[in-house]
Amino acid sequence: MALFLAFAALVAYVIGAATEQGPSTGIIIFIVAIVYSFISYFWSDKIVLATSGAKEIKKKDHPELFRTVENLAIGDGIPMPRVYIINDASPNAFATGRDPKHAAVAATTGILEKLNKAELEGVLAHELSHVKNYDTRLLAITAVLVGFISLITDMFMRQLFWGGIGRDNDNRDSRAQAIFLVIGIVLAILAPIIASLIQLAVSRRREFLADASGALLTRYPEGLASALEKISKDPRPLRTASSATAHLFIVNPFKGKGIQSSLTNLFSTHPPIAERVKILRSM
């Protein structure tokens, strides 16, 4: 995360230096983005739940699901999160919230119908581990940083296209600006890709950690391993999922099929299911 912040600051500085406004403008924009990131994560859980069509339930609405979450929360030593159900036949689940005191767990109707008790417990333990490990907060901040980098590079390219960059300024050295302009163009092209790769790498790493933490909580890795196989084999994509929320789910909600290679895995929000299952069954 420190390297990610430094990279975002570098992009802001170089693009600011390549424009008429100077490097101070880029730094100001970066500071505003950081402040925005800390404000936005207070509302990210509400936005994700609303866009996913999740409905909050109480114990009387679905006793088995509610009790399972309650028991796991007690075993993990975290406060009881709010519980939501998404009316969708595609089996999946996710957790959100800025910290354990403000967390929520959502499961689709499809996952409740498809999994047995041990498998459902494994999935929910995985999601509660995301909460306990503060993954939901971490991924929200990385998403804001990726959005910031994409925004500032897009603004730079638009300004470049419309001829608003490159004019001489008596207070600045034109050769230095030309160098920053070239570097800025290169960064404007590569920075959004690099930022997205960092975000995806963080997301995949936290999935492995949540798998391990969930298995530790239930003491039964096979439950989660079996659940992952069942969920991944179901061909139905989640209707309410989007590219902005895909990384939150326990399995890629788009259920994309194709050739699995190191390149496709590099751009994936989740580690390969086969690898996750292999690790779980080796515990």
C-alpha atoms as a PDB file:
ATOM      1  CA  MET A   1       0.000   0.000   0.000  1.00  0.00           C
ATOM      2  CA  ALA A   2       2.900   2.368   0.731  1.00  0.00           C
ATOM      3  CA  LEU A   3       4.314   1.665  -2.738  1.00  0.00           C
ATOM      4  CA  PHE A   4       0.873   2.157  -4.261  1.00  0.00           C
ATOM      5  CA  LEU A   5       0.532   5.573  -2.591  1.00  0.00           C
ATOM      6  CA  ALA A   6       4.039   6.534  -3.712  1.00  0.00           C
ATOM      7  CA  PHE A   7       3.214   5.471  -7.271  1.00  0.00           C
ATOM      8  CA  ALA A   8       0.006   7.542  -7.269  1.00  0.00           C
ATOM      9  CA  ALA A   9       1.934  10.558  -5.934  1.00  0.00           C
ATOM     10  CA  LEU A  10       4.566  10.117  -8.655  1.00  0.00           C
ATOM     11  CA  VAL A  11       1.922  10.026 -11.385  1.00  0.00           C
ATOM     12  CA  ALA A  12       0.280  13.155  -9.969  1.00  0.00           C
ATOM     13  CA  TYR A  13       3.616  15.000  -9.736  1.00  0.00           C
ATOM     14  CA  VAL A  14       4.803  14.131 -13.268  1.00  0.00           C
ATOM     15  CA  ILE A  15       1.472  14.937 -14.913  1.00  0.00           C
ATOM     16  CA  GLY A  16       1.287  18.180 -12.960  1.00  0.00           C
ATOM     17  CA  ALA A  17       4.825  19.065 -14.066  1.00  0.00           C
ATOM     18  CA  ALA A  18       3.936  18.336 -17.705  1.00  0.00           C
ATOM     19  CA  THR A  19       1.044  20.812 -17.678  1.00  0.00           C
ATOM     20  CA  GLU A  20       0.982  24.582 -17.492  1.00  0.00           C
ATOM     21  CA  GLN A  21      -0.083  24.516 -13.862  1.00  0.00           C
ATOM     22  CA  GLY A  22       3.139  22.902 -12.642  1.00  0.00           C
ATOM     23  CA  PRO A  23       3.855  19.965 -10.305  1.00  0.00           C
ATOM     24  CA  SER A  24       2.125  21.595  -7.344  1.00  0.00           C
ATOM     25  CA  THR A  25      -1.244  21.063  -9.078  1.00  0.00           C
ATOM     26  CA  GLY A  26      -0.694  17.311  -9.288  1.00  0.00           C
ATOM     27  CA  ILE A  27       0.254  17.126  -5.618  1.00  0.00           C
ATOM     28  CA  ILE A  28      -2.852  19.114  -4.631  1.00  0.00           C
ATOM     29  CA  ILE A  29      -5.042  16.751  -6.673  1.00  0.00           C
ATOM     30  CA  PHE A  30      -3.351  13.771  -5.021  1.00  0.00           C
ATOM     31  CA  ILE A  31      -3.976  15.154  -1.516  1.00  0.00           C
ATOM     32  CA  VAL A  32      -7.632  15.756  -2.396  1.00  0.00           C
ATOM     33  CA  ALA A  33      -7.864  12.151  -3.642  1.00  0.00           C
ATOM     34  CA  ILE A  34      -6.419  10.812  -0.385  1.00  0.00           C
ATOM     35  CA  VAL A  35      -8.918  12.832   1.647  1.00  0.00           C
ATOM     36  CA  TYR A  36     -11.695  11.594  -0.633  1.00  0.00           C
ATOM     37  CA  SER A  37     -10.591   7.988  -0.133  1.00  0.00           C
ATOM     38  CA  PHE A  38     -10.999   8.275   3.634  1.00  0.00           C
ATOM     39  CA  ILE A  39     -14.423   9.881   3.235  1.00  0.00           C
ATOM     40  CA  SER A  40     -15.708   7.464   0.610  1.00  0.00           C
ATOM     41  CA  TYR A  41     -15.000   4.265   2.532  1.00  0.00           C
ATOM     42  CA  PHE A  42     -17.585   5.298   5.132  1.00  0.00           C
ATOM     43  CA  TRP A  43     -20.262   4.849   2.444  1.00  0.00           C
ATOM     44  CA  SER A  44     -18.776   2.083   0.294  1.00  0.00           C
ATOM     45  CA  ASP A  45     -20.636  -0.734   2.101  1.00  0.00           C
ATOM     46  CA  LYS A  46     -24.015   0.937   1.619  1.00  0.00           C
ATOM     47  CA  ILE A  47     -23.314   1.532  -2.074  1.00  0.00           C
ATOM     48  CA  VAL A  48     -22.184  -2.061  -2.693  1.00  0.00           C
ATOM     49  CA  LEU A  49     -25.173  -3.563  -0.883  1.00  0.00           C
ATOM     50  CA  ALA A  50     -27.621  -1.292  -2.720  1.00  0.00           C
ATOM     51  CA  THR A  51     -26.178  -1.972  -6.175  1.00  0.00           C
ATOM     52  CA  SER A  52     -26.146  -5.718  -5.458  1.00  0.00           C
ATOM     53  CA  GLY A  53     -29.819  -5.752  -4.585  1.00  0.00           C
ATOM     54  CA  ALA A  54     -29.096  -7.143  -1.112  1.00  0.00           C
ATOM     55  CA  LYS A  55     -31.900  -7.165   1.480  1.00  0.00           C
ATOM     56  CA  GLU A  56     -31.114  -7.250   5.199  1.00  0.00           C
ATOM     57  CA  ILE A  57     -32.626 -10.114   7.179  1.00  0.00           C
ATOM     58  CA  LYS A  58     -33.222 -10.950  10.820  1.00  0.00           C
ATOM     59  CA  LYS A  59     -33.023 -14.330  12.538  1.00  0.00           C
ATOM     60  CA  LYS A  60     -36.724 -15.065  11.965  1.00  0.00           C
ATOM     61  CA  ASP A  61     -36.321 -14.550   8.194  1.00  0.00           C
ATOM     62  CA  HIS A  62     -33.651 -17.225   7.698  1.00  0.00           C
ATOM     63  CA  PRO A  63     -32.698 -18.869  11.028  1.00  0.00           C
ATOM     64  CA  GLU A  64     -30.056 -21.261   9.643  1.00  0.00           C
ATOM     65  CA  LEU A  65     -28.084 -18.587   7.797  1.00  0.00           C
ATOM     66  CA  PHE A  66     -28.347 -16.131  10.677  1.00  0.00           C
ATOM     67  CA  ARG A  67     -27.262 -18.681  13.303  1.00  0.00           C
ATOM     68  CA  THR A  68     -24.324 -19.839  11.176  1.00  0.00           C
ATOM     69  CA  VAL A  69     -23.028 -16.282  10.833  1.00  0.00           C
ATOM     70  CA  GLU A  70     -23.662 -15.657  14.538  1.00  0.00           C
ATOM     71  CA  ASN A  71     -21.748 -18.766  15.650  1.00  0.00           C
ATOM     72  CA  LEU A  72     -18.801 -18.031  13.368  1.00  0.00           C
ATOM     73  CA  ALA A  73     -18.636 -14.417  14.536  1.00  0.00           C
ATOM     74  CA  ILE A  74     -18.501 -15.582  18.156  1.00  0.00           C
ATOM     75  CA  GLY A  75     -15.817 -18.136  17.303  1.00  0.00           C
ATOM     76  CA  ASP A  76     -13.781 -15.512  15.446  1.00  0.00           C
ATOM     77  CA  GLY A  77     -14.132 -12.963  18.243  1.00  0.00           C
ATOM     78  CA  ILE A  78     -15.749 -10.250  16.103  1.00  0.00           C
ATOM     79  CA  PRO A  79     -19.073  -8.393  16.474  1.00  0.00           C
ATOM     80  CA  MET A  80     -22.117  -9.878  14.771  1.00  0.00           C
ATOM     81  CA  PRO A  81     -22.264  -8.420  11.250  1.00  0.00           C
ATOM     82  CA  ARG A  82     -25.476  -7.476   9.476  1.00  0.00           C
ATOM     83  CA  VAL A  83     -26.756 -10.319   7.288  1.00  0.00           C
ATOM     84  CA  TYR A  84     -28.134  -9.843   3.782  1.00  0.00           C
ATOM     85  CA  ILE A  85     -29.636 -12.075   1.101  1.00  0.00           C
ATOM     86  CA  ILE A  86     -29.443 -11.408  -2.657  1.00  0.00           C
ATOM     87  CA  ASN A  87     -32.291 -12.903  -4.681  1.00  0.00           C
ATOM     88  CA  ASP A  88     -30.199 -14.520  -7.420  1.00  0.00           C
ATOM     89  CA  ALA A  89     -29.868 -18.149  -8.504  1.00  0.00           C
ATOM     90  CA  SER A  90     -26.101 -17.794  -9.074  1.00  0.00           C
ATOM     91  CA  PRO A  91     -24.270 -19.120  -5.980  1.00  0.00           C
ATOM     92  CA  ASN A  92     -21.981 -16.484  -4.463  1.00  0.00           C
ATOM     93  CA  ALA A  93     -21.308 -14.397  -1.364  1.00  0.00           C
ATOM     94  CA  PHE A  94     -19.340 -11.358  -0.228  1.00  0.00           C
ATOM     95  CA  ALA A  95     -18.491  -9.251   2.809  1.00  0.00           C
ATOM     96  CA  THR A  96     -18.206  -5.492   3.076  1.00  0.00           C
ATOM     97  CA  GLY A  97     -17.766  -2.778   5.691  1.00  0.00           C
ATOM     98  CA  ARG A  98     -14.942  -0.546   6.863  1.00  0.00           C
ATOM     99  CA  ASP A  99     -14.232  -2.548  10.035  1.00  0.00           C
ATOM    100  CA  PRO A 100     -15.669  -5.450  12.083  1.00  0.00           C
ATOM    101  CA  LYS A 101     -18.032  -3.090  13.926  1.00  0.00           C
ATOM    102  CA  HIS A 102     -19.603  -1.915  10.665  1.00  0.00           C
ATOM    103  CA  ALA A 103     -19.527  -5.136   8.645  1.00  0.00           C
ATOM    104  CA  ALA A 104     -22.098  -6.923   6.539  1.00  0.00           C
ATOM    105  CA  VAL A 105     -22.202 -10.380   4.959  1.00  0.00           C
ATOM    106  CA  ALA A 106     -24.355 -11.118   1.911  1.00  0.00           C
ATOM    107  CA  ALA A 107     -25.242 -14.475   0.349  1.00  0.00           C
ATOM    108  CA  THR A 108     -27.293 -15.243  -2.729  1.00  0.00           C
ATOM    109  CA  THR A 109     -30.364 -17.457  -2.655  1.00  0.00           C
ATOM    110  CA  GLY A 110     -28.489 -19.699  -5.082  1.00  0.00           C
ATOM    111  CA  ILE A 111     -25.678 -20.422  -2.630  1.00  0.00           C
ATOM    112  CA  LEU A 112     -28.165 -21.176   0.155  1.00  0.00           C
ATOM    113  CA  GLU A 113     -29.904 -23.739  -2.059  1.00  0.00           C
ATOM    114  CA  LYS A 114     -26.786 -25.331  -3.557  1.00  0.00           C
ATOM    115  CA  LEU A 115     -24.463 -25.822  -0.567  1.00  0.00           C
ATOM    116  CA  ASN A 116     -24.787 -28.149   2.402  1.00  0.00           C
ATOM    117  CA  LYS A 117     -24.259 -26.937   5.961  1.00  0.00           C
ATOM    118  CA  ALA A 118     -20.487 -27.572   6.121  1.00  0.00           C
ATOM    119  CA  GLU A 119     -19.914 -25.922   2.740  1.00  0.00           C
ATOM    120  CA  LEU A 120     -21.993 -22.864   3.624  1.00  0.00           C
ATOM    121  CA  GLU A 121     -20.126 -22.586   6.914  1.00  0.00           C
ATOM    122  CA  GLY A 122     -16.824 -22.645   5.017  1.00  0.00           C
ATOM    123  CA  VAL A 123     -17.956 -19.837   2.686  1.00  0.00           C
ATOM    124  CA  LEU A 124     -19.224 -17.665   5.541  1.00  0.00           C
ATOM    125  CA  ALA A 125     -16.027 -18.275   7.529  1.00  0.00           C
ATOM    126  CA  HIS A 126     -14.065 -17.074   4.481  1.00  0.00           C
ATOM    127  CA  GLU A 127     -16.166 -13.892   4.309  1.00  0.00           C
ATOM    128  CA  LEU A 128     -15.905 -13.195   8.037  1.00  0.00           C
ATOM    129  CA  SER A 129     -12.134 -13.608   7.714  1.00  0.00           C
ATOM    130  CA  HIS A 130     -12.161 -10.782   5.161  1.00  0.00           C
ATOM    131  CA  VAL A 131     -13.856  -8.659   7.812  1.00  0.00           C
ATOM    132  CA  LYS A 132     -11.469  -9.627  10.603  1.00  0.00           C
ATOM    133  CA  ASN A 133      -8.414  -9.099   8.368  1.00  0.00           C
ATOM    134  CA  TYR A 134      -9.723  -5.649   7.304  1.00  0.00           C
ATOM    135  CA  ASP A 135      -9.627  -6.727   3.651  1.00  0.00           C
ATOM    136  CA  THR A 136     -12.842  -4.848   2.937  1.00  0.00           C
ATOM    137  CA  ARG A 137     -11.221  -1.571   4.006  1.00  0.00           C
ATOM    138  CA  LEU A 138      -7.988  -2.295   2.146  1.00  0.00           C
ATOM    139  CA  LEU A 139      -9.730  -3.118  -1.126  1.00  0.00           C
ATOM    140  CA  ALA A 140     -11.959  -0.040  -0.864  1.00  0.00           C
ATOM    141  CA  ILE A 141      -8.907   2.217  -0.567  1.00  0.00           C
ATOM    142  CA  THR A 142      -7.102   0.517  -3.453  1.00  0.00           C
ATOM    143  CA  ALA A 143     -10.225   0.938  -5.608  1.00  0.00           C
ATOM    144  CA  VAL A 144     -10.241   4.678  -4.851  1.00  0.00           C
ATOM    145  CA  LEU A 145      -6.545   4.969  -5.742  1.00  0.00           C
ATOM    146  CA  VAL A 146      -7.070   3.123  -9.026  1.00  0.00           C
ATOM    147  CA  GLY A 147      -9.966   5.439  -9.818  1.00  0.00           C
ATOM    148  CA  PHE A 148      -7.842   8.486  -8.981  1.00  0.00           C
ATOM    149  CA  ILE A 149      -4.997   7.398 -11.258  1.00  0.00           C
ATOM    150  CA  SER A 150      -7.419   6.665 -14.101  1.00  0.00           C
ATOM    151  CA  LEU A 151      -9.105  10.048 -13.625  1.00  0.00           C
ATOM    152  CA  ILE A 152      -5.933  12.149 -13.580  1.00  0.00           C
ATOM    153  CA  THR A 153      -4.372  10.352 -16.567  1.00  0.00           C
ATOM    154  CA  ASP A 154      -7.616  10.692 -18.535  1.00  0.00           C
ATOM    155  CA  MET A 155      -7.720  14.433 -17.763  1.00  0.00           C
ATOM    156  CA  PHE A 156      -4.096  14.764 -18.892  1.00  0.00           C
ATOM    157  CA  MET A 157      -4.711  12.983 -22.197  1.00  0.00           C
ATOM    158  CA  ARG A 158      -7.795  15.089 -22.903  1.00  0.00           C
ATOM    159  CA  GLN A 159      -5.846  18.260 -22.182  1.00  0.00           C
ATOM    160  CA  LEU A 160      -3.044  17.031 -24.442  1.00  0.00           C
ATOM    161  CA  PHE A 161      -5.504  16.216 -27.228  1.00  0.00           C
ATOM    162  CA  TRP A 162      -7.151  19.642 -27.083  1.00  0.00           C
ATOM    163  CA  GLY A 163      -3.817  21.464 -27.124  1.00  0.00           C
ATOM    164  CA  GLY A 164      -3.807  22.722 -23.550  1.00  0.00           C
ATOM    165  CA  ILE A 165      -0.304  21.432 -22.825  1.00  0.00           C
ATOM    166  CA  GLY A 166       3.090  22.333 -24.118  1.00  0.00           C
ATOM    167  CA  ARG A 167       2.874  26.136 -24.243  1.00  0.00           C
ATOM    168  CA  ASP A 168       5.964  27.958 -23.058  1.00  0.00           C
ATOM    169  CA  ASN A 169       5.875  29.513 -19.639  1.00  0.00           C
ATOM    170  CA  ASP A 170       8.373  32.218 -18.675  1.00  0.00           C
ATOM    171  CA  ASN A 171       8.587  30.875 -15.153  1.00  0.00           C
ATOM    172  CA  ARG A 172       9.568  27.357 -16.165  1.00  0.00           C
ATOM    173  CA  ASP A 173      12.287  25.763 -18.213  1.00  0.00           C
ATOM    174  CA  SER A 174      10.807  24.610 -21.540  1.00  0.00           C
ATOM    175  CA  ARG A 175      13.247  21.709 -21.888  1.00  0.00           C
ATOM    176  CA  ALA A 176      12.361  20.391 -18.450  1.00  0.00           C
ATOM    177  CA  GLN A 177       8.682  20.657 -19.306  1.00  0.00           C
ATOM    178  CA  ALA A 178       9.279  18.764 -22.561  1.00  0.00           C
ATOM    179  CA  ILE A 179      10.951  15.933 -20.629  1.00  0.00           C
ATOM    180  CA  PHE A 180       8.078  15.816 -18.142  1.00  0.00           C
ATOM    181  CA  LEU A 181       5.641  15.867 -21.066  1.00  0.00           C
ATOM    182  CA  VAL A 182       7.200  12.749 -22.619  1.00  0.00           C
ATOM    183  CA  ILE A 183       7.313  10.972 -19.251  1.00  0.00           C
ATOM    184  CA  GLY A 184       3.740  12.101 -18.581  1.00  0.00           C
ATOM    185  CA  ILE A 185       2.474  10.604 -21.836  1.00  0.00           C
ATOM    186  CA  VAL A 186       4.179   7.286 -21.066  1.00  0.00           C
ATOM    187  CA  LEU A 187       2.738   7.256 -17.542  1.00  0.00           C
ATOM    188  CA  ALA A 188      -0.715   8.240 -18.793  1.00  0.00           C
ATOM    189  CA  ILE A 189      -0.697   5.101 -20.938  1.00  0.00           C
ATOM    190  CA  LEU A 190       0.908   2.688 -18.471  1.00  0.00           C
ATOM    191  CA  ALA A 191      -0.221   3.997 -15.062  1.00  0.00           C
ATOM    192  CA  PRO A 192      -3.875   2.833 -15.212  1.00  0.00           C
ATOM    193  CA  ILE A 193      -2.719  -0.649 -16.275  1.00  0.00           C
ATOM    194  CA  ILE A 194      -0.091  -0.822 -13.522  1.00  0.00           C
ATOM    195  CA  ALA A 195      -2.571   0.457 -10.919  1.00  0.00           C
ATOM    196  CA  SER A 196      -5.158  -2.137 -11.950  1.00  0.00           C
ATOM    197  CA  LEU A 197      -2.556  -4.918 -11.772  1.00  0.00           C
ATOM    198  CA  ILE A 198      -1.591  -3.826  -8.252  1.00  0.00           C
ATOM    199  CA  GLN A 199      -5.256  -3.819  -7.224  1.00  0.00           C
ATOM    200  CA  LEU A 200      -5.826  -7.276  -8.693  1.00  0.00           C
ATOM    201  CA  ALA A 201      -2.657  -8.654  -7.086  1.00  0.00           C
ATOM    202  CA  VAL A 202      -3.777  -7.341  -3.677  1.00  0.00           C
ATOM    203  CA  SER A 203      -7.233  -8.846  -4.210  1.00  0.00           C
ATOM    204  CA  ARG A 204      -5.840 -12.296  -5.115  1.00  0.00           C
ATOM    205  CA  ARG A 205      -3.459 -12.316  -2.155  1.00  0.00           C
ATOM    206  CA  ARG A 206      -6.246 -11.449   0.276  1.00  0.00           C
ATOM    207  CA  GLU A 207      -8.383 -14.284  -1.150  1.00  0.00           C
ATOM    208  CA  PHE A 208      -5.668 -16.792  -0.277  1.00  0.00           C
ATOM    209  CA  LEU A 209      -5.419 -15.304   3.218  1.00  0.00           C
ATOM    210  CA  ALA A 210      -9.194 -15.461   3.733  1.00  0.00           C
ATOM    211  CA  ASP A 211      -9.227 -19.099   2.584  1.00  0.00           C
ATOM    212  CA  ALA A 212      -6.576 -19.966   5.161  1.00  0.00           C
ATOM    213  CA  SER A 213      -8.224 -17.928   7.934  1.00  0.00           C
ATOM    214  CA  GLY A 214     -11.627 -19.426   7.155  1.00  0.00           C
ATOM    215  CA  ALA A 215     -10.251 -22.962   7.254  1.00  0.00           C
ATOM    216  CA  LEU A 216      -8.591 -22.174  10.580  1.00  0.00           C
ATOM    217  CA  LEU A 217     -11.894 -20.912  11.964  1.00  0.00           C
ATOM    218  CA  THR A 218     -13.982 -23.939  10.952  1.00  0.00           C
ATOM    219  CA  ARG A 219     -11.162 -26.509  11.382  1.00  0.00           C
ATOM    220  CA  TYR A 220     -12.566 -28.129   8.242  1.00  0.00           C
ATOM    221  CA  PRO A 221     -10.825 -26.987   5.012  1.00  0.00           C
ATOM    222  CA  GLU A 222     -12.743 -29.544   2.935  1.00  0.00           C
ATOM    223  CA  GLY A 223     -15.994 -27.642   3.511  1.00  0.00           C
ATOM    224  CA  LEU A 224     -14.669 -24.525   1.767  1.00  0.00           C
ATOM    225  CA  ALA A 225     -12.830 -26.537  -0.898  1.00  0.00           C
ATOM    226  CA  SER A 226     -16.010 -28.400  -1.839  1.00  0.00           C
ATOM    227  CA  ALA A 227     -18.000 -25.149  -1.819  1.00  0.00           C
ATOM    228  CA  LEU A 228     -15.539 -23.459  -4.182  1.00  0.00           C
ATOM    229  CA  GLU A 229     -15.816 -26.355  -6.633  1.00  0.00           C
ATOM    230  CA  LYS A 230     -19.615 -26.263  -6.592  1.00  0.00           C
ATOM    231  CA  ILE A 231     -19.787 -22.472  -7.000  1.00  0.00           C
ATOM    232  CA  SER A 232     -17.242 -22.395  -9.837  1.00  0.00           C
ATOM    233  CA  LYS A 233     -19.025 -25.165 -11.759  1.00  0.00           C
ATOM    234  CA  ASP A 234     -22.327 -23.312 -11.757  1.00  0.00           C
ATOM    235  CA  PRO A 235     -22.538 -21.555 -15.153  1.00  0.00           C
ATOM    236  CA  ARG A 236     -24.926 -18.760 -14.160  1.00  0.00           C
ATOM    237  CA  PRO A 237     -23.359 -15.284 -13.780  1.00  0.00           C
ATOM    238  CA  LEU A 238     -24.533 -12.959 -11.028  1.00  0.00           C
ATOM    239  CA  ARG A 239     -26.909 -10.416 -12.588  1.00  0.00           C
ATOM    240  CA  THR A 240     -26.186  -7.548 -10.204  1.00  0.00           C
ATOM    241  CA  ALA A 241     -22.384  -7.859 -10.218  1.00  0.00           C
ATOM    242  CA  SER A 242     -20.187  -5.263 -11.903  1.00  0.00           C
ATOM    243  CA  SER A 243     -16.479  -4.827 -12.571  1.00  0.00           C
ATOM    244  CA  ALA A 244     -16.352  -2.472  -9.561  1.00  0.00           C
ATOM    245  CA  THR A 245     -17.710  -5.110  -7.151  1.00  0.00           C
ATOM    246  CA  ALA A 246     -16.434  -8.372  -8.709  1.00  0.00           C
ATOM    247  CA  HIS A 247     -13.374  -8.542  -6.440  1.00  0.00           C
ATOM    248  CA  LEU A 248     -15.593  -8.671  -3.337  1.00  0.00           C
ATOM    249  CA  PHE A 249     -17.234 -12.006  -4.136  1.00  0.00           C
ATOM    250  CA  ILE A 250     -15.793 -15.338  -3.049  1.00  0.00           C
ATOM    251  CA  VAL A 251     -15.721 -16.495  -6.697  1.00  0.00           C
ATOM    252  CA  ASN A 252     -15.629 -14.363  -9.844  1.00  0.00           C
ATOM    253  CA  PRO A 253     -19.336 -13.544 -10.359  1.00  0.00           C
ATOM    254  CA  PHE A 254     -19.004 -13.320 -14.147  1.00  0.00           C
ATOM    255  CA  LYS A 255     -18.064 -17.016 -14.422  1.00  0.00           C
ATOM    256  CA  GLY A 256     -15.926 -16.235 -17.435  1.00  0.00           C
ATOM    257  CA  LYS A 257     -14.647 -19.238 -19.338  1.00  0.00           C
ATOM    258  CA  GLY A 258     -11.654 -19.446 -21.579  1.00  0.00           C
ATOM    259  CA  ILE A 259      -8.037 -20.471 -21.754  1.00  0.00           C
ATOM    260  CA  GLN A 260      -6.429 -20.269 -18.333  1.00  0.00           C
ATOM    261  CA  SER A 261      -2.949 -18.837 -18.703  1.00  0.00           C
ATOM    262  CA  SER A 262      -0.546 -16.772 -16.688  1.00  0.00           C
ATOM    263  CA  LEU A 263      -1.732 -13.684 -18.596  1.00  0.00           C
ATOM    264  CA  THR A 264      -5.442 -14.233 -17.922  1.00  0.00           C
ATOM    265  CA  ASN A 265      -4.691 -15.032 -14.284  1.00  0.00           C
ATOM    266  CA  LEU A 266      -2.681 -11.802 -14.041  1.00  0.00           C
ATOM    267  CA  PHE A 267      -5.784  -9.788 -14.947  1.00  0.00           C
ATOM    268  CA  SER A 268      -8.150 -11.826 -12.776  1.00  0.00           C
ATOM    269  CA  THR A 269      -9.725 -10.581  -9.545  1.00  0.00           C
ATOM    270  CA  HIS A 270      -9.460 -14.068  -8.015  1.00  0.00           C
ATOM    271  CA  PRO A 271      -6.812 -16.807  -7.871  1.00  0.00           C
ATOM    272  CA  PRO A 272      -7.560 -19.947  -9.927  1.00  0.00           C
ATOM    273  CA  ILE A 273     -10.124 -22.139  -8.177  1.00  0.00           C
ATOM    274  CA  ALA A 274      -8.004 -25.258  -8.735  1.00  0.00           C
ATOM    275  CA  GLU A 275      -5.079 -23.639  -6.933  1.00  0.00           C
ATOM    276  CA  ARG A 276      -7.243 -22.519  -4.019  1.00  0.00           C
ATOM    277  CA  VAL A 277      -8.783 -25.984  -3.664  1.00  0.00           C
ATOM    278  CA  LYS A 278      -5.366 -27.672  -3.869  1.00  0.00           C
ATOM    279  CA  ILE A 279      -4.013 -25.483  -1.062  1.00  0.00           C
ATOM    280  CA  LEU A 280      -7.066 -26.051   1.122  1.00  0.00           C
ATOM    281  CA  ARG A 281      -6.877 -29.813   0.700  1.00  0.00           C
ATOM    282  CA  SER A 282      -3.187 -29.796   1.581  1.00  0.00           C
ATOM    283  CA  MET A 283      -3.900 -28.308   5.020  1.00  0.00           C
END
